[in-house]
Protein backbone atom coordinates (compact mmCIF):
# COMPACT_ATOMS: atom_id res chain seq x y z
CA GLN A 1 0.14 -0.06 -0.02
CA VAL A 2 1.42 3.70 -0.87
CA GLN A 3 0.24 6.37 0.58
CA LEU A 4 -0.06 9.81 -0.94
CA VAL A 5 -0.13 13.16 0.47
CA GLU A 6 -0.92 16.56 -1.45
CA THR A 7 0.05 20.00 -0.35
CA GLY A 8 0.07 23.14 -1.78
CA GLY A 9 -3.38 24.11 -3.05
CA GLY A 10 -4.85 27.42 -2.00
CA LEU A 11 -6.36 30.75 -3.68
CA VAL A 12 -4.61 32.71 -6.55
CA GLN A 13 -5.71 35.24 -9.23
CA THR A 14 -5.92 34.49 -12.58
CA GLY A 15 -2.65 34.43 -14.41
CA GLY A 16 -0.94 33.51 -11.24
CA SER A 17 0.99 30.38 -10.03
CA LEU A 18 0.89 27.53 -7.78
CA ARG A 19 2.96 24.70 -6.90
CA LEU A 20 1.22 21.32 -5.70
CA SER A 21 3.09 18.51 -4.09
CA CYS A 22 2.80 15.07 -3.58
CA ALA A 23 4.59 13.10 -1.07
CA ALA A 24 4.40 9.33 -1.48
CA SER A 25 5.31 6.69 1.25
CA GLY A 26 6.65 4.28 -1.59
CA ARG A 27 7.69 4.40 -5.42
CA THR A 28 5.27 3.12 -8.27
CA PHE A 29 5.66 2.82 -11.70
CA LYS A 30 3.91 6.23 -12.73
CA MET A 31 2.42 9.11 -10.67
CA GLY A 32 0.09 11.78 -11.84
CA TRP A 33 -2.28 14.37 -11.38
CA PHE A 34 -5.94 14.65 -11.90
CA ARG A 35 -8.48 17.29 -10.97
CA GLN A 36 -12.47 17.53 -10.52
CA ALA A 37 -14.68 20.31 -10.80
CA PRO A 38 -17.79 21.03 -9.15
CA GLU A 39 -20.68 18.75 -10.98
CA LYS A 40 -17.78 17.59 -13.22
CA GLU A 41 -16.04 14.08 -13.79
CA ARG A 42 -12.55 13.61 -12.62
CA GLU A 43 -10.31 14.10 -15.27
CA PHE A 44 -6.65 13.53 -16.04
CA VAL A 45 -4.00 16.45 -15.62
CA ALA A 46 -0.43 15.16 -15.99
CA ALA A 47 1.75 12.20 -15.46
CA ILE A 48 5.34 11.17 -14.50
CA LYS A 49 6.90 7.97 -14.92
CA TRP A 50 9.60 7.51 -11.89
CA SER A 51 12.06 5.69 -13.87
CA GLY A 52 13.20 7.93 -16.83
CA GLY A 53 10.54 10.71 -16.29
CA SER A 54 8.55 10.71 -19.38
CA THR A 55 5.92 13.16 -19.14
CA TYR A 56 2.13 13.36 -20.13
CA TYR A 57 -0.15 16.24 -20.14
CA ALA A 58 -3.77 16.78 -20.97
CA ASP A 59 -4.10 19.20 -23.82
CA SER A 60 -5.79 21.94 -21.58
CA VAL A 61 -2.60 22.35 -19.58
CA LYS A 62 0.04 21.84 -22.17
CA GLY A 63 2.61 24.63 -21.92
CA ARG A 64 1.34 26.18 -18.72
CA PHE A 65 1.46 23.06 -16.23
CA THR A 66 4.80 21.05 -15.52
CA ILE A 67 5.08 17.69 -13.59
CA SER A 68 8.03 16.99 -11.97
CA ARG A 69 9.60 14.42 -9.61
CA ASP A 70 12.30 14.33 -6.86
CA ASN A 71 13.66 10.60 -6.79
CA ALA A 72 15.29 11.22 -3.29
CA LYS A 73 12.27 12.47 -1.67
CA ASN A 74 9.74 10.17 -3.22
CA THR A 75 7.77 13.53 -4.25
CA VAL A 76 5.89 14.64 -7.35
CA TYR A 77 5.37 18.22 -7.97
CA LEU A 78 2.49 20.34 -10.21
CA GLN A 79 3.82 23.36 -11.29
CA MET A 80 1.08 25.28 -12.72
CA ASN A 81 1.37 28.58 -14.14
CA SER A 82 -0.87 31.20 -15.98
CA LEU A 83 -3.89 29.93 -14.21
CA LYS A 84 -7.18 30.29 -15.30
CA ALA A 85 -10.83 30.24 -13.75
CA GLU A 86 -11.56 26.92 -15.37
CA ASP A 87 -8.24 25.43 -13.77
CA THR A 88 -10.54 25.68 -10.51
CA ALA A 89 -10.88 22.21 -8.94
CA VAL A 90 -9.72 19.75 -6.37
CA TYR A 91 -6.48 18.19 -7.61
CA TYR A 92 -5.60 14.56 -6.83
CA CYS A 93 -2.23 12.80 -6.83
CA ALA A 94 -2.44 9.40 -7.97
CA GLY A 95 -0.05 6.28 -8.33
CA GLY A 96 0.01 3.41 -10.29
CA TRP A 97 1.71 0.08 -11.07
CA THR A 98 0.56 -0.33 -14.96
CA THR A 99 0.49 1.85 -17.73
CA SER A 100 -3.46 1.60 -17.69
CA MET A 101 -4.53 1.56 -14.06
CA TRP A 102 -4.08 4.08 -11.17
CA ASP A 103 -3.81 2.10 -7.68
CA TYR A 104 -3.48 4.80 -5.20
CA TRP A 105 -5.00 8.25 -4.79
CA GLY A 106 -4.33 11.24 -2.25
CA GLN A 107 -7.14 12.90 -0.31
CA GLY A 108 -7.03 15.87 -2.77
CA THR A 109 -6.40 19.51 -2.32
CA GLN A 110 -8.28 22.62 -3.47
CA VAL A 111 -7.17 25.07 -5.93
CA THR A 112 -9.12 28.21 -6.79
CA VAL A 113 -8.29 30.56 -9.22
CA SER A 114 -10.31 34.12 -8.77
CA SER A 115 -10.79 36.49 -11.70
């Protein structure tokens, strides 16, 4: 069992930046970030492989968000720049053992972007 703890959410103005952190109690094949806005389904944001560091992004965040990892700290980050109101959501960290499954989830952290 891998435990994930997110930190770094908060309130920011449109165009601002935030960095989310996800501390993992162990290492899986991949780590990712998802988000869920009110009355919407949870959606993929970004993912990274622990080994090699390959990254993947949703089209809606490409060029604005960057996912990275610190192997020594077992921590994954999501740097969010040029934030928009539509980025407002609860952001969840996730870990998975295979390319198609996400096995572990964090508790979520709220990101609110105000205009």
